[in-house]
Amino acid sequence: MFPIGDENAGTIIKPFVNWTLIGLCIAVFVYELTLPPARLDAFFLQWGAIPAEITRLRDLHGLITSMFLHGGWAHLIGNMVFLLVFGDNIEDAMGHVSYLLFYLLTGIAAGLAQIVLSPSSMIPLIGASGAISGVLGAYIVLFPHGKVRALVFFGYFGQVILVPAWVMIGIWFALQLFSGFVSLGAPDVGGVAFWAHVGGFVAGALLVWLFRDRESVARQNAVREGHQAWQRVPSGARSSRGRF
C-alpha cells in the first residue's frame, strides 16, 4: 500500500514551506549526482549526522543538514511522495512558520533517537524520513479518519482506493517498530534507520499539540466527514484539489 494523494479539500493556505522543503531536497540530490563516488562520500561525512561525532557534541549541524541529503533515487522519491501527500495538510493545520519549526524539531528528535541506539557509529545518517515521520505522527493525531489515496497491489494488478489515514499510517508505523526491534544487535553496516522513523513519529504525535491551530484542524475535519473510505477510485478520477 503506497500513498499517492488524498481526498481532503479543507486546506486554504498554499503549502509554500512544504514545497520549499521538497525543492531543497531535490536540488541537493541533483548536486549529489554531479559528484564522483569519493567526493559524494566526503559530502555525506561533512553534512550527514554522524552518531559518534554528535555524541561528543561535535558537528551538531548534521542533525539539520542531514535532512536534505538522500542516498539514491528510491530514497528521494519515496520520501518526497510522502511529504507531498501529508505535509500540506499539516502546514495548513499549523501555519507556515510553526510547520517549519515543527518539521525541523521532529527531524532532530528522529536523529537523536537513532543516535541513542548507535552512539559510536561513524556511518552518517541521511534523509528526510525522520522529519517526515514526524509529519505522519501529526497527521494520525489530527486527522485519523482522513482518506488517503493508496495504490494497492493485488498480485500483478494495482488499484487506487481510499484508505483511512489511521490504517495506512498505523501499518507503516507497526512495520517501522517491528523492523527496529529486528535490527537491534545487528552489525552496524548502514541501511534504514528504523529508530529514527519511530522517534520522529512519536515526537510528531506529541509536538503537534503545541503547534496545531484548532480552527484549521476543525475546518479540515469538517470536509473529511463527507468522504467514504475503502472506495475504489475510478480510473481518470481527479482529487478535489486536482492532485493525486
C-alpha atoms as a PDB file:
ATOM      1  CA  MET A   1       0.000   0.000   0.000  1.00  0.00           C
ATOM      2  CA  PHE A   2       1.614   3.256  -1.163  1.00  0.00           C
ATOM      3  CA  PRO A   3       0.080   6.742  -0.765  1.00  0.00           C
ATOM      4  CA  ILE A   4      -0.278   8.793  -3.930  1.00  0.00           C
ATOM      5  CA  GLY A   5      -2.597  11.565  -2.716  1.00  0.00           C
ATOM      6  CA  ASP A   6      -5.587  12.348  -0.568  1.00  0.00           C
ATOM      7  CA  GLU A   7      -9.200  13.393  -0.818  1.00  0.00           C
ATOM      8  CA  ASN A   8      -9.010  16.241   1.662  1.00  0.00           C
ATOM      9  CA  ALA A   9     -10.247  19.571   0.325  1.00  0.00           C
ATOM     10  CA  GLY A  10     -10.227  21.507   3.586  1.00  0.00           C
ATOM     11  CA  THR A  11      -6.912  23.321   3.218  1.00  0.00           C
ATOM     12  CA  ILE A  12      -6.920  27.030   2.407  1.00  0.00           C
ATOM     13  CA  ILE A  13      -3.265  28.106   2.507  1.00  0.00           C
ATOM     14  CA  LYS A  14      -0.661  27.318  -0.118  1.00  0.00           C
ATOM     15  CA  PRO A  15       1.946  24.947   1.337  1.00  0.00           C
ATOM     16  CA  PHE A  16       4.925  27.118   0.440  1.00  0.00           C
ATOM     17  CA  VAL A  17       7.113  25.693   3.203  1.00  0.00           C
ATOM     18  CA  ASN A  18       6.352  22.117   2.175  1.00  0.00           C
ATOM     19  CA  TRP A  19       7.114  22.907  -1.466  1.00  0.00           C
ATOM     20  CA  THR A  20      10.359  24.598  -0.424  1.00  0.00           C
ATOM     21  CA  LEU A  21      11.455  21.601   1.643  1.00  0.00           C
ATOM     22  CA  ILE A  22      10.782  19.298  -1.294  1.00  0.00           C
ATOM     23  CA  GLY A  23      12.581  21.651  -3.675  1.00  0.00           C
ATOM     24  CA  LEU A  24      15.651  21.833  -1.432  1.00  0.00           C
ATOM     25  CA  CYS A  25      15.851  18.052  -1.140  1.00  0.00           C
ATOM     26  CA  ILE A  26      15.625  17.698  -4.914  1.00  0.00           C
ATOM     27  CA  ALA A  27      18.196  20.440  -5.516  1.00  0.00           C
ATOM     28  CA  VAL A  28      20.683  18.864  -3.110  1.00  0.00           C
ATOM     29  CA  PHE A  29      20.154  15.454  -4.694  1.00  0.00           C
ATOM     30  CA  VAL A  30      20.792  16.874  -8.167  1.00  0.00           C
ATOM     31  CA  TYR A  31      24.058  18.273  -6.821  1.00  0.00           C
ATOM     32  CA  GLU A  32      24.913  14.870  -5.362  1.00  0.00           C
ATOM     33  CA  LEU A  33      24.520  13.347  -8.825  1.00  0.00           C
ATOM     34  CA  THR A  34      27.357  15.554 -10.087  1.00  0.00           C
ATOM     35  CA  LEU A  35      29.831  14.237  -7.509  1.00  0.00           C
ATOM     36  CA  PRO A  36      32.171  11.290  -8.105  1.00  0.00           C
ATOM     37  CA  PRO A  37      31.884   8.495  -5.512  1.00  0.00           C
ATOM     38  CA  ALA A  38      34.801   9.644  -3.347  1.00  0.00           C
ATOM     39  CA  ARG A  39      33.562  13.233  -3.168  1.00  0.00           C
ATOM     40  CA  LEU A  40      29.996  12.055  -2.513  1.00  0.00           C
ATOM     41  CA  ASP A  41      31.180  10.008   0.461  1.00  0.00           C
ATOM     42  CA  ALA A  42      33.056  13.056   1.768  1.00  0.00           C
ATOM     43  CA  PHE A  43      29.937  15.174   1.230  1.00  0.00           C
ATOM     44  CA  PHE A  44      27.846  12.784   3.322  1.00  0.00           C
ATOM     45  CA  LEU A  45      30.502  12.758   6.053  1.00  0.00           C
ATOM     46  CA  GLN A  46      30.577  16.547   6.105  1.00  0.00           C
ATOM     47  CA  TRP A  47      26.842  17.196   6.140  1.00  0.00           C
ATOM     48  CA  GLY A  48      25.320  13.976   7.473  1.00  0.00           C
ATOM     49  CA  ALA A  49      24.592  13.289  11.141  1.00  0.00           C
ATOM     50  CA  ILE A  50      27.428  11.081  12.424  1.00  0.00           C
ATOM     51  CA  PRO A  51      26.385   9.498  15.754  1.00  0.00           C
ATOM     52  CA  ALA A  52      29.903   9.240  17.182  1.00  0.00           C
ATOM     53  CA  GLU A  53      30.578  12.928  16.500  1.00  0.00           C
ATOM     54  CA  ILE A  54      27.252  14.176  17.792  1.00  0.00           C
ATOM     55  CA  THR A  55      27.655  12.086  20.939  1.00  0.00           C
ATOM     56  CA  ARG A  56      30.817  14.135  21.528  1.00  0.00           C
ATOM     57  CA  LEU A  57      28.797  17.327  20.852  1.00  0.00           C
ATOM     58  CA  ARG A  58      30.648  17.912  17.598  1.00  0.00           C
ATOM     59  CA  ASP A  59      29.243  18.545  14.105  1.00  0.00           C
ATOM     60  CA  LEU A  60      25.793  19.196  15.558  1.00  0.00           C
ATOM     61  CA  HIS A  61      24.792  20.933  12.338  1.00  0.00           C
ATOM     62  CA  GLY A  62      24.412  17.467  10.844  1.00  0.00           C
ATOM     63  CA  LEU A  63      21.175  16.958  12.769  1.00  0.00           C
ATOM     64  CA  ILE A  64      19.604  19.544  10.437  1.00  0.00           C
ATOM     65  CA  THR A  65      21.615  19.338   7.225  1.00  0.00           C
ATOM     66  CA  SER A  66      21.244  15.546   7.086  1.00  0.00           C
ATOM     67  CA  MET A  67      17.503  16.012   6.473  1.00  0.00           C
ATOM     68  CA  PHE A  68      18.225  17.321   2.979  1.00  0.00           C
ATOM     69  CA  LEU A  69      20.543  14.507   1.859  1.00  0.00           C
ATOM     70  CA  HIS A  70      19.436  11.314   0.128  1.00  0.00           C
ATOM     71  CA  GLY A  71      21.275   8.177  -0.877  1.00  0.00           C
ATOM     72  CA  GLY A  72      19.517   7.325  -4.144  1.00  0.00           C
ATOM     73  CA  TRP A  73      16.510   7.806  -6.374  1.00  0.00           C
ATOM     74  CA  ALA A  74      14.251   5.430  -4.417  1.00  0.00           C
ATOM     75  CA  HIS A  75      15.230   7.101  -1.143  1.00  0.00           C
ATOM     76  CA  LEU A  76      14.434  10.550  -2.509  1.00  0.00           C
ATOM     77  CA  ILE A  77      11.228   9.715  -4.396  1.00  0.00           C
ATOM     78  CA  GLY A  78       9.716   7.693  -1.562  1.00  0.00           C
ATOM     79  CA  ASN A  79      10.342  10.453   0.968  1.00  0.00           C
ATOM     80  CA  MET A  80       9.149  13.258  -1.295  1.00  0.00           C
ATOM     81  CA  VAL A  81       5.906  11.481  -2.184  1.00  0.00           C
ATOM     82  CA  PHE A  82       5.064  11.006   1.494  1.00  0.00           C
ATOM     83  CA  LEU A  83       5.926  14.635   2.226  1.00  0.00           C
ATOM     84  CA  LEU A  84       3.873  15.866  -0.731  1.00  0.00           C
ATOM     85  CA  VAL A  85       0.817  13.842   0.290  1.00  0.00           C
ATOM     86  CA  PHE A  86       0.801  14.534   4.023  1.00  0.00           C
ATOM     87  CA  GLY A  87       2.826  17.695   4.554  1.00  0.00           C
ATOM     88  CA  ASP A  88       0.426  20.224   3.027  1.00  0.00           C
ATOM     89  CA  ASN A  89      -2.369  19.276   5.439  1.00  0.00           C
ATOM     90  CA  ILE A  90      -0.089  19.673   8.440  1.00  0.00           C
ATOM     91  CA  GLU A  91       1.249  23.004   7.192  1.00  0.00           C
ATOM     92  CA  ASP A  92      -2.336  24.222   6.823  1.00  0.00           C
ATOM     93  CA  ALA A  93      -3.119  22.978  10.334  1.00  0.00           C
ATOM     94  CA  MET A  94      -0.155  24.852  11.843  1.00  0.00           C
ATOM     95  CA  GLY A  95       0.732  27.784   9.626  1.00  0.00           C
ATOM     96  CA  HIS A  96       3.945  28.310   7.688  1.00  0.00           C
ATOM     97  CA  VAL A  97       6.395  29.248  10.455  1.00  0.00           C
ATOM     98  CA  SER A  98       5.079  26.766  13.009  1.00  0.00           C
ATOM     99  CA  TYR A  99       5.178  23.968  10.441  1.00  0.00           C
ATOM    100  CA  LEU A 100       8.804  24.682   9.553  1.00  0.00           C
ATOM    101  CA  LEU A 101       9.801  24.699  13.226  1.00  0.00           C
ATOM    102  CA  PHE A 102       7.798  21.519  13.852  1.00  0.00           C
ATOM    103  CA  TYR A 103       9.418  19.789  10.868  1.00  0.00           C
ATOM    104  CA  LEU A 104      12.946  20.643  11.968  1.00  0.00           C
ATOM    105  CA  LEU A 105      12.326  19.697  15.601  1.00  0.00           C
ATOM    106  CA  THR A 106      10.882  16.301  14.740  1.00  0.00           C
ATOM    107  CA  GLY A 107      13.763  15.695  12.343  1.00  0.00           C
ATOM    108  CA  ILE A 108      16.245  16.464  15.110  1.00  0.00           C
ATOM    109  CA  ALA A 109      14.357  14.212  17.524  1.00  0.00           C
ATOM    110  CA  ALA A 110      14.417  11.423  14.945  1.00  0.00           C
ATOM    111  CA  GLY A 111      18.179  11.707  14.527  1.00  0.00           C
ATOM    112  CA  LEU A 112      18.751  11.693  18.278  1.00  0.00           C
ATOM    113  CA  ALA A 113      16.566   8.596  18.674  1.00  0.00           C
ATOM    114  CA  GLN A 114      18.777   6.689  16.246  1.00  0.00           C
ATOM    115  CA  ILE A 115      21.960   8.052  17.804  1.00  0.00           C
ATOM    116  CA  VAL A 116      20.928   6.873  21.287  1.00  0.00           C
ATOM    117  CA  LEU A 117      20.887   3.302  19.956  1.00  0.00           C
ATOM    118  CA  SER A 118      24.147   3.571  17.999  1.00  0.00           C
ATOM    119  CA  PRO A 119      26.182   6.287  19.744  1.00  0.00           C
ATOM    120  CA  SER A 120      29.579   5.100  18.474  1.00  0.00           C
ATOM    121  CA  SER A 121      28.640   4.652  14.829  1.00  0.00           C
ATOM    122  CA  MET A 122      30.691   6.529  12.236  1.00  0.00           C
ATOM    123  CA  ILE A 123      28.120   5.930   9.495  1.00  0.00           C
ATOM    124  CA  PRO A 124      26.365   9.221   8.670  1.00  0.00           C
ATOM    125  CA  LEU A 125      22.600   9.379   8.990  1.00  0.00           C
ATOM    126  CA  ILE A 126      21.000  10.985   5.938  1.00  0.00           C
ATOM    127  CA  GLY A 127      17.474  11.526   4.676  1.00  0.00           C
ATOM    128  CA  ALA A 128      14.276  13.420   5.385  1.00  0.00           C
ATOM    129  CA  SER A 129      12.381  10.361   6.586  1.00  0.00           C
ATOM    130  CA  GLY A 130      12.796  11.165  10.276  1.00  0.00           C
ATOM    131  CA  ALA A 131      11.156  14.574   9.890  1.00  0.00           C
ATOM    132  CA  ILE A 132       8.533  13.124   7.543  1.00  0.00           C
ATOM    133  CA  SER A 133       7.781  10.508  10.189  1.00  0.00           C
ATOM    134  CA  GLY A 134       7.017  13.431  12.481  1.00  0.00           C
ATOM    135  CA  VAL A 135       4.564  14.734   9.879  1.00  0.00           C
ATOM    136  CA  LEU A 136       2.891  11.304   9.823  1.00  0.00           C
ATOM    137  CA  GLY A 137       2.676  11.326  13.613  1.00  0.00           C
ATOM    138  CA  ALA A 138       0.935  14.701  13.486  1.00  0.00           C
ATOM    139  CA  TYR A 139      -1.396  13.552  10.710  1.00  0.00           C
ATOM    140  CA  ILE A 140      -2.645  10.465  12.513  1.00  0.00           C
ATOM    141  CA  VAL A 141      -3.329  12.540  15.646  1.00  0.00           C
ATOM    142  CA  LEU A 142      -5.156  15.370  13.875  1.00  0.00           C
ATOM    143  CA  PHE A 143      -6.830  13.514  11.023  1.00  0.00           C
ATOM    144  CA  PRO A 144      -7.100   9.803  11.899  1.00  0.00           C
ATOM    145  CA  HIS A 145     -10.184   9.398   9.694  1.00  0.00           C
ATOM    146  CA  GLY A 146      -8.804  11.349   6.758  1.00  0.00           C
ATOM    147  CA  LYS A 147      -8.939   9.421   3.489  1.00  0.00           C
ATOM    148  CA  VAL A 148      -5.709   8.674   1.679  1.00  0.00           C
ATOM    149  CA  ARG A 149      -5.497   7.658  -1.968  1.00  0.00           C
ATOM    150  CA  ALA A 150      -3.429   4.491  -1.830  1.00  0.00           C
ATOM    151  CA  LEU A 151      -2.113   2.308  -4.602  1.00  0.00           C
ATOM    152  CA  VAL A 152      -2.772  -1.275  -3.525  1.00  0.00           C
ATOM    153  CA  PHE A 153      -1.429  -4.249  -5.463  1.00  0.00           C
ATOM    154  CA  PHE A 154      -3.361  -7.485  -5.826  1.00  0.00           C
ATOM    155  CA  GLY A 155      -0.860  -9.822  -7.403  1.00  0.00           C
ATOM    156  CA  TYR A 156       0.284  -8.164 -10.630  1.00  0.00           C
ATOM    157  CA  PHE A 157      -2.574  -5.672 -10.676  1.00  0.00           C
ATOM    158  CA  GLY A 158      -2.895  -2.360  -8.859  1.00  0.00           C
ATOM    159  CA  GLN A 159      -5.956  -0.442  -7.733  1.00  0.00           C
ATOM    160  CA  VAL A 160      -6.299   3.004  -6.201  1.00  0.00           C
ATOM    161  CA  ILE A 161      -8.597   3.027  -3.167  1.00  0.00           C
ATOM    162  CA  LEU A 162      -9.410   5.439  -0.362  1.00  0.00           C
ATOM    163  CA  VAL A 163      -7.909   4.189   2.904  1.00  0.00           C
ATOM    164  CA  PRO A 164      -8.407   5.733   6.375  1.00  0.00           C
ATOM    165  CA  ALA A 165      -5.275   7.529   7.474  1.00  0.00           C
ATOM    166  CA  TRP A 166      -5.121   5.609  10.738  1.00  0.00           C
ATOM    167  CA  VAL A 167      -4.941   2.336   8.809  1.00  0.00           C
ATOM    168  CA  MET A 168      -2.239   3.391   6.367  1.00  0.00           C
ATOM    169  CA  ILE A 169      -0.087   5.246   8.865  1.00  0.00           C
ATOM    170  CA  GLY A 170      -0.732   2.667  11.585  1.00  0.00           C
ATOM    171  CA  ILE A 171       0.511  -0.159   9.347  1.00  0.00           C
ATOM    172  CA  TRP A 172       3.521   1.925   8.351  1.00  0.00           C
ATOM    173  CA  PHE A 173       4.418   2.638  11.996  1.00  0.00           C
ATOM    174  CA  ALA A 174       3.975  -1.008  13.011  1.00  0.00           C
ATOM    175  CA  LEU A 175       6.398  -2.031  10.269  1.00  0.00           C
ATOM    176  CA  GLN A 176       8.965   0.546  11.425  1.00  0.00           C
ATOM    177  CA  LEU A 177       8.654  -0.591  15.030  1.00  0.00           C
ATOM    178  CA  PHE A 178       8.948  -4.269  14.116  1.00  0.00           C
ATOM    179  CA  SER A 179      11.930  -3.627  11.836  1.00  0.00           C
ATOM    180  CA  GLY A 180      13.556  -1.525  14.542  1.00  0.00           C
ATOM    181  CA  PHE A 181      13.396  -4.349  17.076  1.00  0.00           C
ATOM    182  CA  VAL A 182      14.702  -6.812  14.494  1.00  0.00           C
ATOM    183  CA  SER A 183      17.654  -4.512  13.782  1.00  0.00           C
ATOM    184  CA  LEU A 184      18.732  -4.381  17.426  1.00  0.00           C
ATOM    185  CA  GLY A 185      22.032  -6.156  17.834  1.00  0.00           C
ATOM    186  CA  ALA A 186      22.639  -6.363  14.080  1.00  0.00           C
ATOM    187  CA  PRO A 187      26.072  -5.319  12.717  1.00  0.00           C
ATOM    188  CA  ASP A 188      26.431  -1.588  12.127  1.00  0.00           C
ATOM    189  CA  VAL A 189      26.671  -1.613   8.345  1.00  0.00           C
ATOM    190  CA  GLY A 190      24.240   1.169   7.490  1.00  0.00           C
ATOM    191  CA  GLY A 191      20.825   0.739   5.926  1.00  0.00           C
ATOM    192  CA  VAL A 192      17.443   2.056   7.017  1.00  0.00           C
ATOM    193  CA  ALA A 193      17.419   3.956  10.324  1.00  0.00           C
ATOM    194  CA  PHE A 194      14.173   2.488  11.629  1.00  0.00           C
ATOM    195  CA  TRP A 195      14.511   4.001  15.094  1.00  0.00           C
ATOM    196  CA  ALA A 196      14.805   7.442  13.540  1.00  0.00           C
ATOM    197  CA  HIS A 197      11.402   6.785  11.961  1.00  0.00           C
ATOM    198  CA  VAL A 198       9.964   5.656  15.285  1.00  0.00           C
ATOM    199  CA  GLY A 199      11.484   8.574  17.167  1.00  0.00           C
ATOM    200  CA  GLY A 200      10.310  11.114  14.611  1.00  0.00           C
ATOM    201  CA  PHE A 201       6.796   9.674  14.614  1.00  0.00           C
ATOM    202  CA  VAL A 202       6.484   9.774  18.406  1.00  0.00           C
ATOM    203  CA  ALA A 203       7.933  13.298  18.527  1.00  0.00           C
ATOM    204  CA  GLY A 204       5.444  14.441  15.902  1.00  0.00           C
ATOM    205  CA  ALA A 205       2.486  12.878  17.707  1.00  0.00           C
ATOM    206  CA  LEU A 206       3.479  14.741  20.879  1.00  0.00           C
ATOM    207  CA  LEU A 207       4.666  18.084  19.496  1.00  0.00           C
ATOM    208  CA  VAL A 208       1.605  18.503  17.288  1.00  0.00           C
ATOM    209  CA  TRP A 209      -0.402  19.531  20.354  1.00  0.00           C
ATOM    210  CA  LEU A 210       1.855  22.563  20.778  1.00  0.00           C
ATOM    211  CA  PHE A 211       1.785  23.660  17.134  1.00  0.00           C
ATOM    212  CA  ARG A 212      -1.707  22.922  15.856  1.00  0.00           C
ATOM    213  CA  ASP A 213      -4.274  25.623  15.127  1.00  0.00           C
ATOM    214  CA  ARG A 214      -7.643  24.401  16.420  1.00  0.00           C
ATOM    215  CA  GLU A 215      -9.739  26.246  13.840  1.00  0.00           C
ATOM    216  CA  SER A 216      -7.694  24.970  10.903  1.00  0.00           C
ATOM    217  CA  VAL A 217      -7.895  21.396  12.172  1.00  0.00           C
ATOM    218  CA  ALA A 218     -11.666  21.664  12.668  1.00  0.00           C
ATOM    219  CA  ARG A 219     -12.097  23.078   9.158  1.00  0.00           C
ATOM    220  CA  GLN A 220     -10.202  20.218   7.549  1.00  0.00           C
ATOM    221  CA  ASN A 221     -12.010  17.569   9.577  1.00  0.00           C
ATOM    222  CA  ALA A 222     -15.376  19.049   8.618  1.00  0.00           C
ATOM    223  CA  VAL A 223     -14.580  18.496   4.937  1.00  0.00           C
ATOM    224  CA  ARG A 224     -13.286  14.974   5.506  1.00  0.00           C
ATOM    225  CA  GLU A 225     -16.562  13.822   7.031  1.00  0.00           C
ATOM    226  CA  GLY A 226     -18.162  13.676   3.594  1.00  0.00           C
ATOM    227  CA  HIS A 227     -15.692  11.149   2.202  1.00  0.00           C
ATOM    228  CA  GLN A 228     -16.077   7.387   2.482  1.00  0.00           C
ATOM    229  CA  ALA A 229     -13.176   5.020   2.993  1.00  0.00           C
ATOM    230  CA  TRP A 230     -12.430   1.757   1.189  1.00  0.00           C
ATOM    231  CA  GLN A 231     -13.921   3.010  -2.079  1.00  0.00           C
ATOM    232  CA  ARG A 232     -12.299   2.235  -5.380  1.00  0.00           C
ATOM    233  CA  VAL A 233     -11.215   5.378  -7.188  1.00  0.00           C
ATOM    234  CA  PRO A 234     -12.454   5.293 -10.803  1.00  0.00           C
ATOM    235  CA  SER A 235      -9.800   5.423 -13.478  1.00  0.00           C
ATOM    236  CA  GLY A 236      -9.239   9.001 -14.571  1.00  0.00           C
ATOM    237  CA  ALA A 237     -10.903  10.490 -11.500  1.00  0.00           C
ATOM    238  CA  ARG A 238      -9.212  13.527 -10.034  1.00  0.00           C
ATOM    239  CA  SER A 239      -8.937  14.581  -6.429  1.00  0.00           C
ATOM    240  CA  SER A 240     -10.827  17.586  -5.185  1.00  0.00           C
ATOM    241  CA  ARG A 241      -7.579  19.520  -5.262  1.00  0.00           C
ATOM    242  CA  GLY A 242      -6.664  18.391  -8.761  1.00  0.00           C
ATOM    243  CA  ARG A 243      -3.833  16.216  -7.494  1.00  0.00           C
ATOM    244  CA  PHE A 244      -3.274  12.544  -6.779  1.00  0.00           C
END
